[in-house]
Amino acid sequence: MIGRLQGQLIEKSPPLVMLDVGGVGYEVDVPMSTFYHLPALGERVTLLTHLVVREDAHQLFGFLAPEERATFRQLIRISGVGPRMALSLLSGLSVAELAQAVSQQQSARLVKVPGIGKKTAERLLLELKGKLGPDLEQPASVVNDAQVDIVQALIALGYAERDATAALKALPADVGVSEGIKLALRALSR
């Protein structure tokens, strides 16, 4: 199995990217969450991959974050959810948003993703319950919507939830979202 590719990014055409790895061009399908964080063409990039072997094709799916790949793998284990639907889910919702929708049983949030109907959304909620890492209940130290948004932004940037919550403690209680993110990033970079 191909688990990781590291090479030069030579083509970007959503959801497909092409990496030149030692003179071989690999076509890799990526969710939009990964696509938006890719470097410019010609730059080096490392993608964690999942290879799907079918009778008529071999498809590579790539992810920048390990939790995205793990969630993709969890999704394709569900009956009726193929790689394309899993990619669509990860393009429409971040891993944290998906986990939150599952923990709060919000089928309406899943139905907003193209290709996900009501029955599929309900099956996803049932099958994924307790399987997407810890339920994302908000920490006790998070008390208002701005703080929730700041923590979620830091998690989306790749910080662990405990680090994001710790950085929140150093912020003024009435700080706005954009200023709070800037201050939290400064605190985390020390």
N, C-alpha and C. Protein backbone atom coordinates (compact mmCIF):
# COMPACT_ATOMS: atom_id res chain seq x y z
N MET A 1 0.85 -1.18 0.00
CA MET A 1 0.00 0.00 0.00
C MET A 1 0.89 1.24 0.00
N ILE A 2 0.45 2.26 -0.70
CA ILE A 2 1.16 3.54 -0.71
C ILE A 2 0.60 4.37 0.44
N GLY A 3 1.41 4.65 1.43
CA GLY A 3 0.94 5.34 2.63
C GLY A 3 1.29 6.81 2.67
N ARG A 4 2.31 7.22 1.87
CA ARG A 4 2.73 8.62 1.91
C ARG A 4 3.45 8.93 0.61
N LEU A 5 3.24 10.13 0.12
CA LEU A 5 3.96 10.62 -1.05
C LEU A 5 4.59 11.95 -0.71
N GLN A 6 5.83 12.11 -1.12
CA GLN A 6 6.51 13.39 -0.92
C GLN A 6 7.14 13.77 -2.25
N GLY A 7 6.77 14.91 -2.76
CA GLY A 7 7.32 15.32 -4.04
C GLY A 7 6.90 16.72 -4.41
N GLN A 8 7.15 17.05 -5.67
CA GLN A 8 6.87 18.38 -6.18
C GLN A 8 5.44 18.43 -6.72
N LEU A 9 4.73 19.46 -6.32
CA LEU A 9 3.35 19.65 -6.77
C LEU A 9 3.40 20.21 -8.19
N ILE A 10 2.90 19.44 -9.17
CA ILE A 10 3.02 19.90 -10.56
C ILE A 10 1.67 20.22 -11.21
N GLU A 11 0.58 19.84 -10.57
CA GLU A 11 -0.74 20.16 -11.13
C GLU A 11 -1.77 20.23 -10.01
N LYS A 12 -2.67 21.23 -10.12
CA LYS A 12 -3.77 21.38 -9.17
C LYS A 12 -5.04 21.65 -9.95
N SER A 13 -5.96 20.71 -9.89
CA SER A 13 -7.25 20.85 -10.56
C SER A 13 -8.28 20.15 -9.68
N PRO A 14 -8.96 20.91 -8.80
CA PRO A 14 -9.79 20.28 -7.77
C PRO A 14 -10.71 19.21 -8.31
N PRO A 15 -10.82 18.08 -7.64
CA PRO A 15 -10.13 17.65 -6.42
C PRO A 15 -8.83 16.91 -6.70
N LEU A 16 -8.35 16.98 -7.94
CA LEU A 16 -7.17 16.22 -8.34
C LEU A 16 -5.90 17.06 -8.25
N VAL A 17 -4.84 16.47 -7.71
CA VAL A 17 -3.52 17.08 -7.76
C VAL A 17 -2.55 16.04 -8.32
N MET A 18 -1.45 16.52 -8.87
CA MET A 18 -0.43 15.60 -9.36
C MET A 18 0.89 15.94 -8.71
N LEU A 19 1.53 14.89 -8.17
CA LEU A 19 2.83 15.03 -7.53
C LEU A 19 3.88 14.32 -8.36
N ASP A 20 5.01 14.98 -8.55
CA ASP A 20 6.15 14.35 -9.21
C ASP A 20 7.03 13.78 -8.09
N VAL A 21 7.08 12.46 -8.02
CA VAL A 21 7.88 11.78 -7.01
C VAL A 21 8.95 10.98 -7.73
N GLY A 22 10.15 11.49 -7.76
CA GLY A 22 11.24 10.79 -8.42
C GLY A 22 11.00 10.55 -9.90
N GLY A 23 10.38 11.52 -10.57
CA GLY A 23 10.15 11.39 -11.99
C GLY A 23 8.86 10.70 -12.36
N VAL A 24 8.10 10.21 -11.38
CA VAL A 24 6.82 9.55 -11.62
C VAL A 24 5.71 10.49 -11.16
N GLY A 25 4.73 10.75 -12.03
CA GLY A 25 3.61 11.62 -11.66
C GLY A 25 2.47 10.81 -11.06
N TYR A 26 2.13 11.11 -9.82
CA TYR A 26 1.02 10.43 -9.14
C TYR A 26 -0.18 11.36 -9.11
N GLU A 27 -1.31 10.87 -9.63
CA GLU A 27 -2.56 11.61 -9.53
C GLU A 27 -3.22 11.24 -8.21
N VAL A 28 -3.56 12.25 -7.42
CA VAL A 28 -4.10 12.03 -6.09
C VAL A 28 -5.35 12.90 -5.93
N ASP A 29 -6.45 12.27 -5.51
CA ASP A 29 -7.67 13.02 -5.19
C ASP A 29 -7.58 13.48 -3.74
N VAL A 30 -7.88 14.76 -3.51
CA VAL A 30 -7.80 15.31 -2.16
C VAL A 30 -9.11 16.02 -1.82
N PRO A 31 -9.48 16.05 -0.53
CA PRO A 31 -10.64 16.84 -0.13
C PRO A 31 -10.29 18.33 -0.24
N MET A 32 -11.29 19.16 -0.33
CA MET A 32 -11.05 20.60 -0.48
C MET A 32 -10.33 21.17 0.74
N SER A 33 -10.53 20.59 1.91
CA SER A 33 -9.83 21.07 3.11
C SER A 33 -8.32 20.93 2.93
N THR A 34 -7.86 19.88 2.27
CA THR A 34 -6.45 19.71 1.96
C THR A 34 -6.05 20.60 0.79
N PHE A 35 -6.90 20.66 -0.23
CA PHE A 35 -6.59 21.43 -1.44
C PHE A 35 -6.29 22.89 -1.11
N TYR A 36 -7.09 23.49 -0.23
CA TYR A 36 -6.91 24.90 0.10
C TYR A 36 -5.61 25.18 0.86
N HIS A 37 -5.01 24.16 1.45
CA HIS A 37 -3.79 24.36 2.22
C HIS A 37 -2.54 23.87 1.49
N LEU A 38 -2.69 23.51 0.22
CA LEU A 38 -1.52 23.07 -0.54
C LEU A 38 -0.63 24.26 -0.90
N PRO A 39 0.67 24.01 -1.02
CA PRO A 39 1.57 25.08 -1.44
C PRO A 39 1.39 25.39 -2.93
N ALA A 40 2.12 26.37 -3.43
CA ALA A 40 2.05 26.76 -4.84
C ALA A 40 2.65 25.67 -5.73
N LEU A 41 2.29 25.70 -7.01
CA LEU A 41 2.86 24.76 -7.96
C LEU A 41 4.38 24.86 -7.95
N GLY A 42 5.05 23.73 -8.07
CA GLY A 42 6.51 23.70 -8.06
C GLY A 42 7.10 23.50 -6.67
N GLU A 43 6.28 23.68 -5.63
CA GLU A 43 6.75 23.51 -4.25
C GLU A 43 6.67 22.03 -3.87
N ARG A 44 7.43 21.66 -2.83
CA ARG A 44 7.38 20.28 -2.32
C ARG A 44 6.24 20.16 -1.31
N VAL A 45 5.64 18.98 -1.32
CA VAL A 45 4.54 18.71 -0.41
C VAL A 45 4.58 17.23 -0.02
N THR A 46 4.11 16.95 1.19
CA THR A 46 3.98 15.58 1.66
C THR A 46 2.50 15.30 1.90
N LEU A 47 1.99 14.24 1.29
CA LEU A 47 0.60 13.84 1.48
C LEU A 47 0.54 12.44 2.06
N LEU A 48 -0.28 12.27 3.09
CA LEU A 48 -0.60 10.93 3.60
C LEU A 48 -1.64 10.38 2.64
N THR A 49 -1.51 9.13 2.25
CA THR A 49 -2.39 8.62 1.21
C THR A 49 -3.14 7.37 1.64
N HIS A 50 -4.18 7.10 0.89
CA HIS A 50 -4.95 5.86 1.03
C HIS A 50 -5.19 5.36 -0.38
N LEU A 51 -4.79 4.13 -0.66
CA LEU A 51 -4.95 3.54 -1.97
C LEU A 51 -6.20 2.67 -1.99
N VAL A 52 -7.08 2.93 -2.95
CA VAL A 52 -8.28 2.13 -3.14
C VAL A 52 -8.10 1.33 -4.42
N VAL A 53 -8.14 0.01 -4.29
CA VAL A 53 -7.96 -0.87 -5.44
C VAL A 53 -9.33 -1.44 -5.81
N ARG A 54 -9.74 -1.13 -7.03
CA ARG A 54 -10.99 -1.68 -7.55
C ARG A 54 -10.66 -2.51 -8.78
N GLU A 55 -11.63 -3.22 -9.25
CA GLU A 55 -11.44 -4.08 -10.41
C GLU A 55 -10.99 -3.28 -11.64
N ASP A 56 -11.52 -2.06 -11.79
CA ASP A 56 -11.22 -1.27 -12.97
C ASP A 56 -10.27 -0.09 -12.73
N ALA A 57 -9.82 0.11 -11.51
CA ALA A 57 -8.96 1.27 -11.26
C ALA A 57 -8.25 1.17 -9.91
N HIS A 58 -7.13 1.86 -9.83
CA HIS A 58 -6.43 2.08 -8.56
C HIS A 58 -6.50 3.58 -8.33
N GLN A 59 -7.03 4.00 -7.19
CA GLN A 59 -7.18 5.42 -6.90
C GLN A 59 -6.42 5.78 -5.63
N LEU A 60 -5.69 6.88 -5.70
CA LEU A 60 -4.99 7.40 -4.53
C LEU A 60 -5.75 8.60 -3.99
N PHE A 61 -5.96 8.61 -2.69
CA PHE A 61 -6.57 9.74 -2.02
C PHE A 61 -5.53 10.30 -1.05
N GLY A 62 -5.37 11.63 -1.04
CA GLY A 62 -4.32 12.24 -0.22
C GLY A 62 -4.85 13.23 0.79
N PHE A 63 -4.09 13.35 1.89
CA PHE A 63 -4.51 14.22 2.99
C PHE A 63 -3.27 14.86 3.62
N LEU A 64 -3.40 16.12 4.03
CA LEU A 64 -2.29 16.78 4.71
C LEU A 64 -2.23 16.38 6.18
N ALA A 65 -3.40 16.12 6.78
CA ALA A 65 -3.45 15.84 8.22
C ALA A 65 -3.79 14.37 8.48
N PRO A 66 -3.12 13.76 9.47
CA PRO A 66 -3.41 12.36 9.78
C PRO A 66 -4.86 12.12 10.22
N GLU A 67 -5.46 13.10 10.90
CA GLU A 67 -6.84 12.90 11.34
C GLU A 67 -7.82 12.89 10.16
N GLU A 68 -7.48 13.60 9.07
CA GLU A 68 -8.32 13.55 7.88
C GLU A 68 -8.28 12.15 7.26
N ARG A 69 -7.08 11.58 7.15
CA ARG A 69 -6.97 10.24 6.58
C ARG A 69 -7.68 9.21 7.46
N ALA A 70 -7.51 9.33 8.77
CA ALA A 70 -8.16 8.39 9.69
C ALA A 70 -9.69 8.49 9.57
N THR A 71 -10.21 9.70 9.44
CA THR A 71 -11.66 9.89 9.30
C THR A 71 -12.13 9.33 7.96
N PHE A 72 -11.36 9.57 6.89
CA PHE A 72 -11.68 9.01 5.58
C PHE A 72 -11.78 7.49 5.67
N ARG A 73 -10.82 6.87 6.31
CA ARG A 73 -10.81 5.41 6.45
C ARG A 73 -12.00 4.93 7.27
N GLN A 74 -12.38 5.69 8.29
CA GLN A 74 -13.54 5.34 9.11
C GLN A 74 -14.82 5.44 8.27
N LEU A 75 -14.90 6.47 7.44
CA LEU A 75 -16.09 6.68 6.61
C LEU A 75 -16.28 5.57 5.59
N ILE A 76 -15.19 5.16 4.93
CA ILE A 76 -15.36 4.15 3.86
C ILE A 76 -15.65 2.75 4.41
N ARG A 77 -15.52 2.56 5.70
CA ARG A 77 -15.90 1.28 6.32
C ARG A 77 -17.42 1.13 6.42
N ILE A 78 -18.12 2.25 6.31
CA ILE A 78 -19.58 2.24 6.46
C ILE A 78 -20.22 1.76 5.16
N SER A 79 -21.14 0.83 5.28
CA SER A 79 -21.84 0.29 4.12
C SER A 79 -22.53 1.42 3.36
N GLY A 80 -22.29 1.47 2.05
CA GLY A 80 -22.93 2.48 1.21
C GLY A 80 -22.15 3.77 1.10
N VAL A 81 -21.04 3.89 1.81
CA VAL A 81 -20.21 5.09 1.72
C VAL A 81 -18.92 4.71 1.01
N GLY A 82 -18.78 5.21 -0.18
CA GLY A 82 -17.57 4.94 -0.95
C GLY A 82 -16.56 6.06 -0.80
N PRO A 83 -15.43 5.93 -1.46
CA PRO A 83 -14.38 6.95 -1.36
C PRO A 83 -14.84 8.33 -1.83
N ARG A 84 -15.64 8.39 -2.89
CA ARG A 84 -16.11 9.69 -3.40
C ARG A 84 -17.01 10.39 -2.38
N MET A 85 -17.91 9.65 -1.75
CA MET A 85 -18.78 10.25 -0.76
C MET A 85 -17.98 10.69 0.47
N ALA A 86 -17.00 9.88 0.87
CA ALA A 86 -16.15 10.25 2.00
C ALA A 86 -15.37 11.52 1.68
N LEU A 87 -14.86 11.62 0.45
CA LEU A 87 -14.14 12.81 0.03
C LEU A 87 -15.06 14.03 0.03
N SER A 88 -16.29 13.83 -0.42
CA SER A 88 -17.28 14.91 -0.41
C SER A 88 -17.58 15.38 1.01
N LEU A 89 -17.72 14.43 1.93
CA LEU A 89 -17.96 14.79 3.34
C LEU A 89 -16.81 15.61 3.91
N LEU A 90 -15.58 15.17 3.62
CA LEU A 90 -14.42 15.88 4.15
C LEU A 90 -14.18 17.20 3.44
N SER A 91 -14.75 17.36 2.26
CA SER A 91 -14.67 18.64 1.57
C SER A 91 -15.70 19.62 2.12
N GLY A 92 -16.85 19.10 2.55
CA GLY A 92 -17.92 19.95 3.06
C GLY A 92 -17.83 20.27 4.53
N LEU A 93 -17.18 19.38 5.29
CA LEU A 93 -17.05 19.57 6.74
C LEU A 93 -15.63 19.24 7.17
N SER A 94 -15.10 20.00 8.10
CA SER A 94 -13.80 19.65 8.67
C SER A 94 -13.99 18.42 9.56
N VAL A 95 -12.90 17.80 9.93
CA VAL A 95 -12.97 16.64 10.82
C VAL A 95 -13.64 17.03 12.14
N ALA A 96 -13.29 18.20 12.65
CA ALA A 96 -13.87 18.65 13.91
C ALA A 96 -15.37 18.91 13.76
N GLU A 97 -15.78 19.50 12.64
CA GLU A 97 -17.20 19.76 12.41
C GLU A 97 -17.98 18.45 12.26
N LEU A 98 -17.40 17.50 11.56
CA LEU A 98 -18.04 16.20 11.39
C LEU A 98 -18.19 15.50 12.74
N ALA A 99 -17.12 15.50 13.52
CA ALA A 99 -17.17 14.87 14.85
C ALA A 99 -18.21 15.56 15.74
N GLN A 100 -18.29 16.87 15.64
CA GLN A 100 -19.27 17.61 16.44
C GLN A 100 -20.69 17.28 15.98
N ALA A 101 -20.90 17.21 14.66
CA ALA A 101 -22.22 16.86 14.13
C ALA A 101 -22.63 15.46 14.59
N VAL A 102 -21.68 14.53 14.62
CA VAL A 102 -21.97 13.17 15.07
C VAL A 102 -22.27 13.15 16.56
N SER A 103 -21.45 13.84 17.35
CA SER A 103 -21.66 13.80 18.80
C SER A 103 -22.97 14.48 19.20
N GLN A 104 -23.40 15.48 18.41
CA GLN A 104 -24.65 16.18 18.72
C GLN A 104 -25.82 15.68 17.87
N GLN A 105 -25.57 14.60 17.07
CA GLN A 105 -26.60 13.97 16.24
C GLN A 105 -27.33 15.00 15.37
N GLN A 106 -26.56 15.80 14.62
CA GLN A 106 -27.11 16.84 13.75
C GLN A 106 -27.15 16.37 12.30
N SER A 107 -28.19 15.64 11.93
CA SER A 107 -28.29 15.13 10.56
C SER A 107 -28.45 16.28 9.56
N ALA A 108 -29.08 17.37 9.96
CA ALA A 108 -29.28 18.51 9.06
C ALA A 108 -27.94 19.07 8.58
N ARG A 109 -26.95 19.01 9.42
CA ARG A 109 -25.62 19.51 9.05
C ARG A 109 -24.99 18.63 7.97
N LEU A 110 -25.22 17.32 8.05
CA LEU A 110 -24.67 16.39 7.07
C LEU A 110 -25.41 16.47 5.74
N VAL A 111 -26.72 16.71 5.79
CA VAL A 111 -27.53 16.77 4.57
C VAL A 111 -27.11 17.94 3.68
N LYS A 112 -26.50 18.96 4.27
CA LYS A 112 -26.03 20.11 3.49
C LYS A 112 -24.87 19.76 2.56
N VAL A 113 -24.21 18.65 2.82
CA VAL A 113 -23.10 18.21 1.96
C VAL A 113 -23.68 17.58 0.70
N PRO A 114 -23.22 18.02 -0.48
CA PRO A 114 -23.74 17.44 -1.73
C PRO A 114 -23.57 15.92 -1.77
N GLY A 115 -24.63 15.23 -2.17
CA GLY A 115 -24.59 13.78 -2.28
C GLY A 115 -25.02 13.03 -1.03
N ILE A 116 -25.31 13.76 0.05
CA ILE A 116 -25.74 13.14 1.31
C ILE A 116 -27.22 13.43 1.51
N GLY A 117 -28.01 12.37 1.47
CA GLY A 117 -29.45 12.50 1.71
C GLY A 117 -29.77 12.25 3.17
N LYS A 118 -31.04 12.37 3.49
CA LYS A 118 -31.47 12.23 4.88
C LYS A 118 -31.17 10.83 5.44
N LYS A 119 -31.47 9.77 4.66
CA LYS A 119 -31.24 8.41 5.14
C LYS A 119 -29.74 8.15 5.32
N THR A 120 -28.94 8.61 4.39
CA THR A 120 -27.49 8.43 4.50
C THR A 120 -26.94 9.18 5.71
N ALA A 121 -27.44 10.39 5.92
CA ALA A 121 -26.99 11.18 7.07
C ALA A 121 -27.32 10.47 8.38
N GLU A 122 -28.51 9.92 8.48
CA GLU A 122 -28.91 9.21 9.70
C GLU A 122 -28.06 7.95 9.92
N ARG A 123 -27.75 7.25 8.81
CA ARG A 123 -26.91 6.06 8.93
C ARG A 123 -25.49 6.46 9.36
N LEU A 124 -24.98 7.55 8.82
CA LEU A 124 -23.66 8.03 9.21
C LEU A 124 -23.61 8.37 10.70
N LEU A 125 -24.64 9.06 11.17
CA LEU A 125 -24.68 9.42 12.60
C LEU A 125 -24.69 8.18 13.47
N LEU A 126 -25.44 7.18 13.06
CA LEU A 126 -25.52 5.94 13.83
C LEU A 126 -24.20 5.18 13.80
N GLU A 127 -23.62 5.04 12.62
CA GLU A 127 -22.38 4.25 12.47
C GLU A 127 -21.16 4.93 13.07
N LEU A 128 -21.13 6.26 13.05
CA LEU A 128 -19.93 6.99 13.51
C LEU A 128 -19.96 7.34 14.99
N LYS A 129 -21.10 7.13 15.63
CA LYS A 129 -21.21 7.50 17.06
C LYS A 129 -20.09 6.85 17.87
N GLY A 130 -19.29 7.68 18.51
CA GLY A 130 -18.20 7.20 19.36
C GLY A 130 -16.97 6.74 18.61
N LYS A 131 -16.92 6.91 17.29
CA LYS A 131 -15.78 6.42 16.52
C LYS A 131 -14.88 7.52 15.95
N LEU A 132 -15.27 8.76 16.09
CA LEU A 132 -14.46 9.85 15.55
C LEU A 132 -13.68 10.56 16.65
N GLY A 133 -12.90 9.81 17.37
CA GLY A 133 -12.11 10.40 18.45
C GLY A 133 -13.02 10.80 19.59
N PRO A 134 -12.49 11.61 20.49
CA PRO A 134 -13.32 12.03 21.62
C PRO A 134 -14.44 12.94 21.13
N ASP A 135 -15.61 12.79 21.75
CA ASP A 135 -16.69 13.71 21.40
C ASP A 135 -16.22 15.12 21.69
N LEU A 136 -16.55 16.02 20.80
CA LEU A 136 -16.03 17.38 20.91
C LEU A 136 -16.94 18.25 21.76
N GLU A 137 -17.14 17.84 22.96
CA GLU A 137 -17.88 18.71 23.89
C GLU A 137 -16.97 19.90 24.18
N GLN A 138 -17.56 21.05 24.33
CA GLN A 138 -16.73 22.23 24.57
C GLN A 138 -16.15 22.17 25.98
N PRO A 139 -14.86 22.49 26.12
CA PRO A 139 -14.25 22.49 27.44
C PRO A 139 -14.95 23.49 28.36
N ALA A 140 -14.88 23.21 29.64
CA ALA A 140 -15.55 24.06 30.62
C ALA A 140 -15.05 25.50 30.58
N SER A 141 -13.80 25.71 30.17
CA SER A 141 -13.23 27.05 30.16
C SER A 141 -13.75 27.89 29.00
N VAL A 142 -14.43 27.28 28.03
CA VAL A 142 -14.98 28.02 26.90
C VAL A 142 -16.38 28.47 27.28
N VAL A 143 -16.58 29.79 27.33
CA VAL A 143 -17.84 30.29 27.87
C VAL A 143 -18.68 31.08 26.87
N ASN A 144 -18.12 31.57 25.76
CA ASN A 144 -18.94 32.31 24.82
C ASN A 144 -18.64 31.91 23.38
N ASP A 145 -19.46 32.40 22.46
CA ASP A 145 -19.34 32.00 21.05
C ASP A 145 -17.99 32.40 20.46
N ALA A 146 -17.48 33.57 20.82
CA ALA A 146 -16.18 34.01 20.29
C ALA A 146 -15.09 33.04 20.72
N GLN A 147 -15.13 32.59 21.97
CA GLN A 147 -14.12 31.65 22.45
C GLN A 147 -14.25 30.30 21.75
N VAL A 148 -15.47 29.87 21.48
CA VAL A 148 -15.69 28.62 20.74
C VAL A 148 -15.07 28.75 19.35
N ASP A 149 -15.31 29.89 18.68
CA ASP A 149 -14.77 30.11 17.34
C ASP A 149 -13.25 30.15 17.35
N ILE A 150 -12.67 30.75 18.36
CA ILE A 150 -11.21 30.84 18.47
C ILE A 150 -10.62 29.43 18.63
N VAL A 151 -11.19 28.64 19.52
CA VAL A 151 -10.70 27.27 19.74
C VAL A 151 -10.84 26.45 18.47
N GLN A 152 -11.98 26.55 17.79
CA GLN A 152 -12.18 25.78 16.56
C GLN A 152 -11.21 26.22 15.46
N ALA A 153 -10.92 27.52 15.38
CA ALA A 153 -9.96 28.01 14.38
C ALA A 153 -8.57 27.46 14.66
N LEU A 154 -8.17 27.43 15.93
CA LEU A 154 -6.85 26.90 16.28
C LEU A 154 -6.76 25.41 16.00
N ILE A 155 -7.83 24.67 16.26
CA ILE A 155 -7.86 23.24 15.97
C ILE A 155 -7.75 23.03 14.45
N ALA A 156 -8.47 23.86 13.68
CA ALA A 156 -8.41 23.76 12.22
C ALA A 156 -7.00 24.06 11.69
N LEU A 157 -6.25 24.88 12.42
CA LEU A 157 -4.88 25.19 12.03
C LEU A 157 -3.89 24.11 12.45
N GLY A 158 -4.39 23.08 13.13
CA GLY A 158 -3.54 21.95 13.46
C GLY A 158 -3.10 21.86 14.92
N TYR A 159 -3.57 22.77 15.75
CA TYR A 159 -3.20 22.70 17.17
C TYR A 159 -4.10 21.70 17.89
N ALA A 160 -3.56 21.05 18.89
CA ALA A 160 -4.35 20.11 19.70
C ALA A 160 -5.38 20.91 20.50
N GLU A 161 -6.51 20.27 20.80
CA GLU A 161 -7.58 20.96 21.52
C GLU A 161 -7.10 21.46 22.89
N ARG A 162 -6.28 20.65 23.56
CA ARG A 162 -5.81 21.08 24.90
C ARG A 162 -4.91 22.32 24.79
N ASP A 163 -4.07 22.40 23.71
CA ASP A 163 -3.22 23.57 23.52
C ASP A 163 -4.05 24.80 23.18
N ALA A 164 -5.08 24.60 22.33
CA ALA A 164 -5.95 25.71 21.95
C ALA A 164 -6.69 26.25 23.17
N THR A 165 -7.17 25.35 24.01
CA THR A 165 -7.89 25.75 25.22
C THR A 165 -6.95 26.44 26.20
N ALA A 166 -5.72 25.96 26.31
CA ALA A 166 -4.74 26.60 27.20
C ALA A 166 -4.41 28.01 26.72
N ALA A 167 -4.28 28.19 25.40
CA ALA A 167 -4.00 29.52 24.85
C ALA A 167 -5.16 30.47 25.11
N LEU A 168 -6.36 29.94 25.15
CA LEU A 168 -7.56 30.74 25.39
C LEU A 168 -7.54 31.37 26.79
N LYS A 169 -6.95 30.66 27.75
CA LYS A 169 -6.92 31.16 29.12
C LYS A 169 -6.14 32.46 29.26
N ALA A 170 -5.17 32.68 28.36
CA ALA A 170 -4.34 33.88 28.43
C ALA A 170 -5.00 35.09 27.77
N LEU A 171 -6.14 34.90 27.14
CA LEU A 171 -6.81 35.98 26.42
C LEU A 171 -7.79 36.72 27.31
N PRO A 172 -8.00 38.02 27.01
CA PRO A 172 -9.06 38.74 27.74
C PRO A 172 -10.42 38.11 27.45
N ALA A 173 -11.31 38.14 28.42
CA ALA A 173 -12.61 37.47 28.29
C ALA A 173 -13.47 38.06 27.18
N ASP A 174 -13.32 39.36 26.89
CA ASP A 174 -14.18 40.01 25.91
C ASP A 174 -13.52 40.18 24.54
N VAL A 175 -12.47 39.42 24.26
CA VAL A 175 -11.73 39.57 23.00
C VAL A 175 -12.58 39.09 21.83
N GLY A 176 -12.44 39.77 20.67
CA GLY A 176 -13.14 39.36 19.45
C GLY A 176 -12.46 38.15 18.82
N VAL A 177 -13.12 37.56 17.86
CA VAL A 177 -12.61 36.33 17.25
C VAL A 177 -11.28 36.56 16.54
N SER A 178 -11.22 37.54 15.62
CA SER A 178 -9.99 37.72 14.84
C SER A 178 -8.82 38.15 15.72
N GLU A 179 -9.06 39.05 16.64
CA GLU A 179 -7.98 39.48 17.55
C GLU A 179 -7.58 38.34 18.47
N GLY A 180 -8.56 37.56 18.93
CA GLY A 180 -8.28 36.42 19.80
C GLY A 180 -7.43 35.37 19.11
N ILE A 181 -7.70 35.13 17.83
CA ILE A 181 -6.90 34.15 17.08
C ILE A 181 -5.46 34.64 16.96
N LYS A 182 -5.29 35.93 16.65
CA LYS A 182 -3.94 36.50 16.53
C LYS A 182 -3.17 36.38 17.85
N LEU A 183 -3.83 36.74 18.94
CA LEU A 183 -3.17 36.68 20.25
C LEU A 183 -2.86 35.23 20.65
N ALA A 184 -3.79 34.34 20.37
CA ALA A 184 -3.58 32.92 20.70
C ALA A 184 -2.42 32.34 19.89
N LEU A 185 -2.34 32.71 18.61
CA LEU A 185 -1.23 32.22 17.78
C LEU A 185 0.10 32.73 18.30
N ARG A 186 0.14 33.98 18.74
CA ARG A 186 1.37 34.51 19.33
C ARG A 186 1.76 33.73 20.59
N ALA A 187 0.76 33.46 21.42
CA ALA A 187 1.01 32.71 22.66
C ALA A 187 1.50 31.29 22.36
N LEU A 188 0.93 30.66 21.35
CA LEU A 188 1.30 29.29 21.01
C LEU A 188 2.66 29.21 20.33
N SER A 189 3.09 30.28 19.70
CA SER A 189 4.39 30.25 19.00
C SER A 189 5.56 30.45 19.92
N ARG A 190 5.32 30.78 21.17
CA ARG A 190 6.41 30.99 22.13
C ARG A 190 7.00 29.69 22.58
